[in-house]
Amino acid sequence: NCKRKIDMAQRLKTDWILFFTVLAMVFSGVLIVYSASAIMAQMGPNHSAWHFVKRQAAWAAIALVIMMALKSTHYRKLQNPAVALSAISVALFLLVAVYFVDPGNHRWLRLGGPVGVQPSELAKPALVIFLAFFVTWRARAINNPRYTLVPAAMAVGLVILAVVVADLGTAIVLGAAAALVFFVAGLEKRYCAIVGALAMIGLVFFVFSKTYRLARVVMFFDPQFKIIEKFDKKGAIKARLQESLVTRDTNYQLEQSKIAVGAGGPFGLGFMGGRQKLLYLPEAHKDFIYAVAGEELGMIGSVGLLLGFAVIFWRGIRATLRINDDFGRYLALGLTVVVVVQGFMHMSVVLGMMPTKGIPLPMISYGGSSLVSTLASLGMLMNVSEHAG
């Protein structure tokens, strides 16, 4: 009876700080999506200002149900080889399938009509669950190359390689989560150095593998091509990079983003009052939505969103430090890193602190796959936090 009462009390316990922060950000995201997309939606084939926001609200309802289901499911039920291996296997299957279903972009699995799923988004919680299980299972031999490091490198590497071809930003997020989980688990410095070196080599390779990625990096560090012109006397490299920038609008987006953030000032232009979203800032409701928030809500709104992610980071790290078992610790850490790193990457791009990279702002940007993946991750994080005391 005593044990049942404790279990019941634990199920009724809620991390209200994290819970209400997430609800506030999801609600804010729906409003900002409406503001960022309404005018453009009216100009589209549907001629309805509510086109994008209705779909975002529907996805938000589905994602919240999933979040609540995972919040009420004890996280230790995920510490199961069947769950962990199924999660990583399904993620890999979908990532491979998308290459054939969407040969052009390798991003979308269409479920019929306009509804689609991005396997790279669903791979985030799947990889974290697998990592938490695997690292806990091999905790006493975490530095064993044959039985721990090689199998882990193969599993994580396959997922990252399947993602990185079409989505470098998500691959970086996954890599950061995996690296931190293994570091906290006690990976030796020599192996950390090897992993770091391989990660840098891979990053450079995949940046150079696509001209538009290289162009983004060059334009960030050398916008006037002064360094390039020193060894590119004929201007061939400059011309090729500029051609890629024109077709991808990368430099243009960054400039318009800075204008939007600067125009917002301390208090913003008011909800729906932004101007850069009107044919100036492409994909304003997706990859540059933080710029719309900065223009309309000003520094106060921008800092508010930043504080939202800071609260998630705080509660996630608190859960990581307080939980009394390894699986919960690695699960909380991985989920926190995935959500927070992606959020800070989006903000950094919008503010011109990183080269342009199309990556959504969790809970704020338009997109069902991102919203479901994020809230599923936060549902699991809430459960760990609630058991951490």
Protein backbone atom coordinates (compact mmCIF):
# COMPACT_ATOMS: atom_id res chain seq x y z
CA ASN A 1 0.00 0.00 0.00
CA CYS A 2 2.80 2.38 0.85
CA LYS A 3 4.52 1.66 -2.47
CA ARG A 4 1.28 2.24 -4.35
CA LYS A 5 0.79 5.60 -2.64
CA ILE A 6 4.33 6.64 -3.56
CA ASP A 7 3.80 5.59 -7.18
CA MET A 8 0.49 7.46 -7.29
CA ALA A 9 2.07 10.60 -5.83
CA GLN A 10 4.88 10.35 -8.36
CA ARG A 11 2.42 10.10 -11.26
CA LEU A 12 0.53 13.15 -10.00
CA LYS A 13 3.70 15.17 -9.61
CA THR A 14 4.43 17.70 -12.32
CA ASP A 15 7.36 19.98 -13.13
CA TRP A 16 5.07 22.98 -13.43
CA ILE A 17 7.87 25.38 -14.40
CA LEU A 18 8.85 23.28 -17.42
CA PHE A 19 5.23 22.40 -18.24
CA PHE A 20 3.93 25.97 -18.37
CA THR A 21 7.05 27.20 -20.17
CA VAL A 22 6.45 24.68 -22.94
CA LEU A 23 2.73 25.53 -23.17
CA ALA A 24 3.51 29.24 -23.34
CA MET A 25 6.05 28.72 -26.13
CA VAL A 26 3.72 26.49 -28.17
CA PHE A 27 0.89 29.03 -27.87
CA SER A 28 3.29 31.87 -28.76
CA GLY A 29 4.52 29.85 -31.73
CA VAL A 30 1.01 29.47 -33.16
CA LEU A 31 0.44 33.24 -32.88
CA ILE A 32 3.80 34.11 -34.44
CA VAL A 33 3.23 31.65 -37.28
CA TYR A 34 -0.08 33.38 -38.02
CA SER A 35 1.55 36.80 -38.06
CA ALA A 36 4.48 35.61 -40.20
CA SER A 37 2.39 33.71 -42.74
CA ALA A 38 -1.03 35.40 -43.00
CA ILE A 39 -0.28 37.83 -45.83
CA MET A 40 1.72 35.31 -47.86
CA ALA A 41 -0.99 32.68 -47.34
CA GLN A 42 -3.59 35.06 -48.76
CA MET A 43 -1.47 35.42 -51.88
CA GLY A 44 -1.14 31.64 -52.26
CA PRO A 45 -3.41 29.21 -54.10
CA ASN A 46 -5.70 28.83 -51.06
CA HIS A 47 -6.22 32.60 -50.63
CA SER A 48 -6.74 32.14 -46.91
CA ALA A 49 -4.80 33.97 -44.20
CA TRP A 50 -5.54 31.03 -41.89
CA HIS A 51 -4.01 28.35 -44.12
CA PHE A 52 -0.72 27.83 -42.27
CA VAL A 53 -1.91 28.63 -38.77
CA LYS A 54 -4.80 26.15 -38.94
CA ARG A 55 -2.40 23.37 -39.88
CA GLN A 56 0.06 24.46 -37.19
CA ALA A 57 -2.71 24.49 -34.56
CA ALA A 58 -3.80 20.99 -35.62
CA TRP A 59 -0.23 19.70 -35.34
CA ALA A 60 0.11 21.46 -31.98
CA ALA A 61 -2.96 19.60 -30.67
CA ILE A 62 -1.55 16.25 -31.85
CA ALA A 63 1.90 17.03 -30.46
CA LEU A 64 0.50 18.05 -27.07
CA VAL A 65 -1.40 14.76 -26.80
CA ILE A 66 1.84 12.88 -27.55
CA MET A 67 3.70 15.02 -25.02
CA MET A 68 1.16 14.30 -22.29
CA ALA A 69 1.21 10.58 -23.08
CA LEU A 70 5.00 10.45 -22.76
CA LYS A 71 4.92 12.70 -19.70
CA SER A 72 2.70 10.16 -17.93
CA THR A 73 4.78 7.16 -19.06
CA HIS A 74 7.60 6.23 -16.70
CA TYR A 75 10.86 6.89 -18.52
CA ARG A 76 12.29 3.53 -17.39
CA LYS A 77 9.84 1.78 -19.69
CA LEU A 78 12.01 3.16 -22.50
CA GLN A 79 15.04 1.39 -21.00
CA ASN A 80 14.32 -1.69 -23.00
CA PRO A 81 16.36 -3.17 -25.86
CA ALA A 82 13.21 -3.66 -27.91
CA VAL A 83 12.27 0.02 -27.56
CA ALA A 84 15.79 1.36 -28.15
CA LEU A 85 16.57 -0.86 -31.13
CA SER A 86 13.14 -0.34 -32.65
CA ALA A 87 13.47 3.43 -32.35
CA ILE A 88 16.87 3.58 -34.06
CA SER A 89 15.85 0.99 -36.68
CA VAL A 90 12.67 2.84 -37.64
CA ALA A 91 14.59 6.13 -37.82
CA LEU A 92 17.22 4.60 -40.12
CA PHE A 93 14.55 2.95 -42.28
CA LEU A 94 12.70 6.25 -42.76
CA LEU A 95 15.93 8.13 -43.44
CA VAL A 96 16.84 5.63 -46.16
CA ALA A 97 13.31 5.55 -47.57
CA VAL A 98 13.21 9.32 -47.99
CA TYR A 99 16.11 9.10 -50.47
CA PHE A 100 13.89 7.15 -52.85
CA VAL A 101 10.57 8.83 -52.09
CA ASP A 102 11.99 12.36 -52.30
CA PRO A 103 15.00 12.03 -54.65
CA GLY A 104 15.33 15.77 -55.13
CA ASN A 105 15.60 17.03 -51.56
CA HIS A 106 15.82 13.81 -49.47
CA ARG A 107 13.64 15.43 -46.80
CA TRP A 108 9.94 14.57 -47.04
CA LEU A 109 7.84 11.44 -46.82
CA ARG A 110 4.43 12.49 -48.13
CA LEU A 111 1.49 10.80 -46.43
CA GLY A 112 -1.04 12.05 -48.95
CA GLY A 113 -1.88 15.56 -50.08
CA PRO A 114 -0.01 18.29 -48.22
CA VAL A 115 0.67 16.13 -45.15
CA GLY A 116 4.27 14.97 -44.85
CA VAL A 117 6.86 13.80 -42.34
CA GLN A 118 10.53 14.72 -42.04
CA PRO A 119 12.45 11.62 -40.88
CA SER A 120 15.38 13.80 -39.75
CA GLU A 121 13.13 15.37 -37.10
CA LEU A 122 11.85 12.02 -35.85
CA ALA A 123 15.43 10.73 -35.68
CA LYS A 124 16.24 13.13 -32.82
CA PRO A 125 14.27 11.51 -29.97
CA ALA A 126 14.93 8.06 -31.45
CA LEU A 127 18.70 8.55 -31.35
CA VAL A 128 18.60 9.95 -27.80
CA ILE A 129 16.60 6.95 -26.52
CA PHE A 130 19.07 4.57 -28.18
CA LEU A 131 22.09 6.46 -26.80
CA ALA A 132 20.71 6.51 -23.25
CA PHE A 133 20.01 2.78 -23.38
CA PHE A 134 23.30 1.80 -25.01
CA VAL A 135 25.54 3.96 -22.81
CA THR A 136 23.77 2.73 -19.66
CA TRP A 137 24.11 -0.88 -20.81
CA ARG A 138 27.84 -0.46 -21.51
CA ALA A 139 28.54 1.90 -18.59
CA ARG A 140 31.26 -0.26 -17.05
CA ALA A 141 33.06 -0.64 -20.37
CA ILE A 142 32.35 2.74 -21.92
CA ASN A 143 35.94 3.02 -23.22
CA ASN A 144 36.09 -0.47 -24.71
CA PRO A 145 36.75 0.08 -28.42
CA ARG A 146 35.57 -3.30 -29.68
CA TYR A 147 32.33 -3.81 -27.73
CA THR A 148 31.27 -0.21 -27.03
CA LEU A 149 32.88 2.49 -29.14
CA VAL A 150 32.80 0.76 -32.54
CA PRO A 151 29.13 -0.36 -32.31
CA ALA A 152 28.13 3.08 -30.99
CA ALA A 153 30.08 4.85 -33.73
CA MET A 154 28.42 2.68 -36.36
CA ALA A 155 24.88 3.34 -35.09
CA VAL A 156 25.33 7.07 -34.47
CA GLY A 157 27.42 7.48 -37.61
CA LEU A 158 24.82 5.83 -39.82
CA VAL A 159 22.07 8.12 -38.52
CA ILE A 160 24.19 11.26 -38.89
CA LEU A 161 25.37 10.27 -42.38
CA ALA A 162 21.78 9.61 -43.43
CA VAL A 163 20.77 13.06 -42.17
CA VAL A 164 23.76 15.19 -43.15
CA VAL A 165 23.38 14.86 -46.93
CA ALA A 166 20.16 16.87 -46.87
CA ASP A 167 20.27 18.60 -43.47
CA LEU A 168 23.63 19.64 -42.04
CA GLY A 169 22.06 21.59 -39.17
CA THR A 170 20.14 18.62 -37.78
CA ALA A 171 23.24 16.45 -38.14
CA ILE A 172 25.18 18.93 -36.00
CA VAL A 173 22.44 18.83 -33.34
CA LEU A 174 22.51 15.01 -33.28
CA GLY A 175 26.29 14.97 -33.12
CA ALA A 176 26.31 17.43 -30.21
CA ALA A 177 23.85 15.29 -28.24
CA ALA A 178 25.84 12.09 -28.84
CA ALA A 179 29.14 13.76 -27.94
CA LEU A 180 27.86 15.19 -24.65
CA VAL A 181 26.21 11.94 -23.58
CA PHE A 182 29.43 9.99 -24.11
CA PHE A 183 31.51 12.73 -22.45
CA VAL A 184 29.33 12.69 -19.32
CA ALA A 185 29.42 8.88 -19.34
CA GLY A 186 33.18 9.04 -18.88
CA LEU A 187 34.69 8.76 -22.35
CA GLU A 188 38.47 9.09 -22.10
CA LYS A 189 40.14 12.27 -23.34
CA ARG A 190 42.02 10.47 -26.12
CA TYR A 191 38.77 9.14 -27.55
CA CYS A 192 37.15 12.56 -27.15
CA ALA A 193 40.02 14.05 -29.17
CA ILE A 194 39.64 11.41 -31.89
CA VAL A 195 35.88 11.97 -32.10
CA GLY A 196 36.38 15.74 -32.19
CA ALA A 197 38.93 15.47 -34.99
CA LEU A 198 36.71 13.14 -37.03
CA ALA A 199 33.74 15.46 -36.49
CA MET A 200 35.70 18.47 -37.78
CA ILE A 201 36.93 16.54 -40.82
CA GLY A 202 33.38 15.40 -41.55
CA LEU A 203 32.02 18.93 -41.12
CA VAL A 204 34.57 20.37 -43.53
CA PHE A 205 33.94 17.59 -46.05
CA PHE A 206 30.17 18.03 -46.07
CA VAL A 207 30.45 21.82 -46.24
CA PHE A 208 32.68 21.51 -49.31
CA SER A 209 30.47 18.78 -50.79
CA LYS A 210 27.72 21.28 -51.64
CA THR A 211 28.50 24.63 -53.21
CA TYR A 212 25.72 26.51 -51.46
CA ARG A 213 27.01 25.37 -48.04
CA LEU A 214 30.51 26.56 -48.89
CA ALA A 215 29.07 29.83 -50.19
CA ARG A 216 27.27 30.44 -46.91
CA VAL A 217 30.47 29.92 -44.90
CA VAL A 218 32.53 32.11 -47.26
CA MET A 219 29.95 34.90 -47.21
CA PHE A 220 29.88 34.80 -43.42
CA PHE A 221 33.65 35.13 -42.96
CA ASP A 222 34.54 36.94 -46.21
CA PRO A 223 31.43 38.79 -47.48
CA GLN A 224 33.39 40.98 -49.91
CA PHE A 225 35.46 38.06 -51.27
CA LYS A 226 38.68 39.92 -50.43
CA ILE A 227 40.44 36.77 -49.20
CA ILE A 228 39.11 34.67 -52.09
CA GLU A 229 40.30 37.23 -54.67
CA LYS A 230 43.88 36.93 -53.43
CA PHE A 231 44.24 33.44 -54.90
CA ASP A 232 41.27 33.43 -57.29
CA LYS A 233 42.72 35.83 -59.86
CA LYS A 234 40.29 34.86 -62.64
CA GLY A 235 37.26 35.09 -60.36
CA ALA A 236 36.02 31.57 -61.15
CA ILE A 237 35.46 30.60 -57.51
CA LYS A 238 33.77 33.91 -56.73
CA ALA A 239 31.43 33.57 -59.70
CA ARG A 240 30.47 30.00 -58.78
CA LEU A 241 29.79 30.92 -55.17
CA GLN A 242 27.77 33.98 -56.14
CA GLU A 243 25.68 31.90 -58.53
CA SER A 244 24.88 29.51 -55.69
CA LEU A 245 23.95 32.39 -53.39
CA VAL A 246 21.58 33.85 -55.96
CA THR A 247 19.77 30.56 -56.45
CA ARG A 248 19.50 29.90 -52.72
CA ASP A 249 18.90 33.48 -51.47
CA THR A 250 21.21 32.81 -48.52
CA ASN A 251 22.96 36.19 -48.29
CA TYR A 252 19.72 38.03 -49.06
CA GLN A 253 17.89 36.24 -46.24
CA LEU A 254 20.59 37.10 -43.73
CA GLU A 255 20.53 40.79 -44.66
CA GLN A 256 16.74 40.96 -44.44
CA SER A 257 16.86 39.14 -41.11
CA LYS A 258 19.24 41.72 -39.65
CA ILE A 259 17.02 44.53 -40.93
CA ALA A 260 13.97 42.96 -39.28
CA VAL A 261 15.68 42.49 -35.90
CA GLY A 262 17.10 46.02 -36.00
CA ALA A 263 13.73 47.56 -36.93
CA GLY A 264 12.07 46.00 -33.90
CA GLY A 265 13.94 48.09 -31.35
CA PRO A 266 13.16 47.59 -27.67
CA PHE A 267 9.38 47.12 -27.94
CA GLY A 268 8.79 46.07 -31.55
CA LEU A 269 6.39 47.26 -34.22
CA GLY A 270 3.47 45.38 -32.72
CA PHE A 271 1.79 42.07 -33.50
CA MET A 272 1.15 41.79 -37.28
CA GLY A 273 3.07 45.06 -37.76
CA GLY A 274 6.25 43.62 -39.24
CA ARG A 275 7.28 44.58 -42.77
CA GLN A 276 10.16 42.26 -43.66
CA LYS A 277 7.83 39.26 -43.89
CA LEU A 278 6.08 40.94 -46.83
CA LEU A 279 8.05 39.50 -49.78
CA TYR A 280 11.38 40.60 -48.26
CA LEU A 281 12.20 37.68 -45.95
CA PRO A 282 11.59 34.31 -47.66
CA GLU A 283 10.32 31.45 -45.48
CA ALA A 284 9.59 33.95 -42.70
CA HIS A 285 7.31 31.49 -40.90
CA LYS A 286 9.95 28.75 -40.91
CA ASP A 287 13.72 29.22 -40.91
CA PHE A 288 13.71 32.94 -40.02
CA ILE A 289 10.73 33.20 -37.69
CA TYR A 290 12.88 34.59 -34.87
CA ALA A 291 13.49 37.63 -37.08
CA VAL A 292 9.71 38.18 -37.34
CA ALA A 293 9.43 37.89 -33.55
CA GLY A 294 12.27 40.39 -33.14
CA GLU A 295 10.67 42.91 -35.50
CA GLU A 296 7.15 42.69 -34.08
CA LEU A 297 7.84 41.99 -30.40
CA GLY A 298 11.15 43.82 -30.14
CA MET A 299 13.99 43.02 -27.81
CA ILE A 300 11.52 42.16 -25.05
CA GLY A 301 9.87 39.43 -27.14
CA SER A 302 13.20 38.14 -28.44
CA VAL A 303 14.64 37.90 -24.94
CA GLY A 304 11.41 36.24 -23.79
CA LEU A 305 11.88 33.43 -26.30
CA LEU A 306 15.53 33.15 -25.32
CA LEU A 307 14.54 32.86 -21.67
CA GLY A 308 12.08 30.10 -22.61
CA PHE A 309 14.94 27.99 -23.92
CA ALA A 310 17.05 28.97 -20.91
CA VAL A 311 14.32 27.59 -18.62
CA ILE A 312 14.23 24.33 -20.60
CA PHE A 313 18.03 24.13 -20.29
CA TRP A 314 17.83 24.78 -16.54
CA ARG A 315 15.15 22.18 -15.88
CA GLY A 316 16.85 19.66 -18.15
CA ILE A 317 20.25 20.02 -16.48
CA ARG A 318 18.57 19.98 -13.07
CA ALA A 319 16.92 16.68 -13.95
CA THR A 320 20.23 15.34 -15.29
CA LEU A 321 22.00 16.12 -12.02
CA ARG A 322 19.22 14.99 -9.66
CA ILE A 323 17.99 11.75 -11.21
CA ASN A 324 19.38 8.71 -9.44
CA ASP A 325 19.95 6.34 -12.37
CA ASP A 326 22.17 6.48 -15.43
CA PHE A 327 19.47 5.91 -18.05
CA GLY A 328 17.41 8.84 -16.79
CA ARG A 329 20.53 11.00 -16.61
CA TYR A 330 21.61 10.35 -20.19
CA LEU A 331 18.04 10.58 -21.48
CA ALA A 332 17.48 13.98 -19.85
CA LEU A 333 20.84 15.28 -21.04
CA GLY A 334 20.37 14.14 -24.64
CA LEU A 335 16.83 15.51 -24.90
CA THR A 336 17.87 18.85 -23.41
CA VAL A 337 20.80 19.21 -25.78
CA VAL A 338 18.69 18.38 -28.85
CA VAL A 339 16.05 21.03 -28.10
CA VAL A 340 18.28 23.79 -26.73
CA VAL A 341 21.14 23.50 -29.23
CA GLN A 342 18.68 23.64 -32.14
CA GLY A 343 17.00 26.70 -30.63
CA PHE A 344 20.28 28.55 -30.11
CA MET A 345 21.46 27.62 -33.61
CA HIS A 346 18.33 29.14 -35.14
CA MET A 347 18.70 32.32 -33.09
CA SER A 348 22.41 32.59 -33.89
CA VAL A 349 21.73 32.36 -37.62
CA VAL A 350 19.01 35.02 -37.47
CA LEU A 351 21.26 37.36 -35.48
CA GLY A 352 24.17 36.86 -37.88
CA MET A 353 26.32 34.97 -35.39
CA MET A 354 26.55 31.83 -37.57
CA PRO A 355 26.55 31.13 -41.31
CA THR A 356 23.06 30.85 -42.76
CA LYS A 357 21.50 27.44 -42.15
CA GLY A 358 17.86 26.53 -42.59
CA ILE A 359 16.83 25.11 -39.23
CA PRO A 360 13.48 25.65 -37.47
CA LEU A 361 13.07 27.25 -34.07
CA PRO A 362 11.59 24.52 -31.83
CA MET A 363 7.93 25.13 -30.87
CA ILE A 364 7.89 28.43 -32.76
CA SER A 365 8.59 27.74 -36.45
CA TYR A 366 5.91 26.32 -38.74
CA GLY A 367 6.20 22.57 -39.23
CA GLY A 368 4.39 19.53 -37.89
CA SER A 369 7.35 17.13 -37.80
CA SER A 370 9.47 19.56 -35.81
CA LEU A 371 6.64 20.28 -33.38
CA VAL A 372 5.85 16.59 -32.78
CA SER A 373 9.52 15.70 -32.37
CA THR A 374 10.15 18.58 -29.96
CA LEU A 375 7.09 18.01 -27.77
CA ALA A 376 7.71 14.25 -27.69
CA SER A 377 11.23 15.00 -26.45
CA LEU A 378 9.95 17.47 -23.87
CA GLY A 379 7.28 15.00 -22.68
CA MET A 380 10.00 12.48 -21.90
CA LEU A 381 12.12 15.19 -20.28
CA MET A 382 9.19 16.21 -18.07
CA ASN A 383 8.81 12.65 -16.87
CA VAL A 384 12.48 12.41 -15.95
CA SER A 385 12.31 15.81 -14.24
CA GLU A 386 9.25 14.78 -12.24
CA HIS A 387 11.03 11.66 -10.97
CA ALA A 388 14.19 13.62 -10.16
CA GLY A 389 12.60 15.31 -7.16
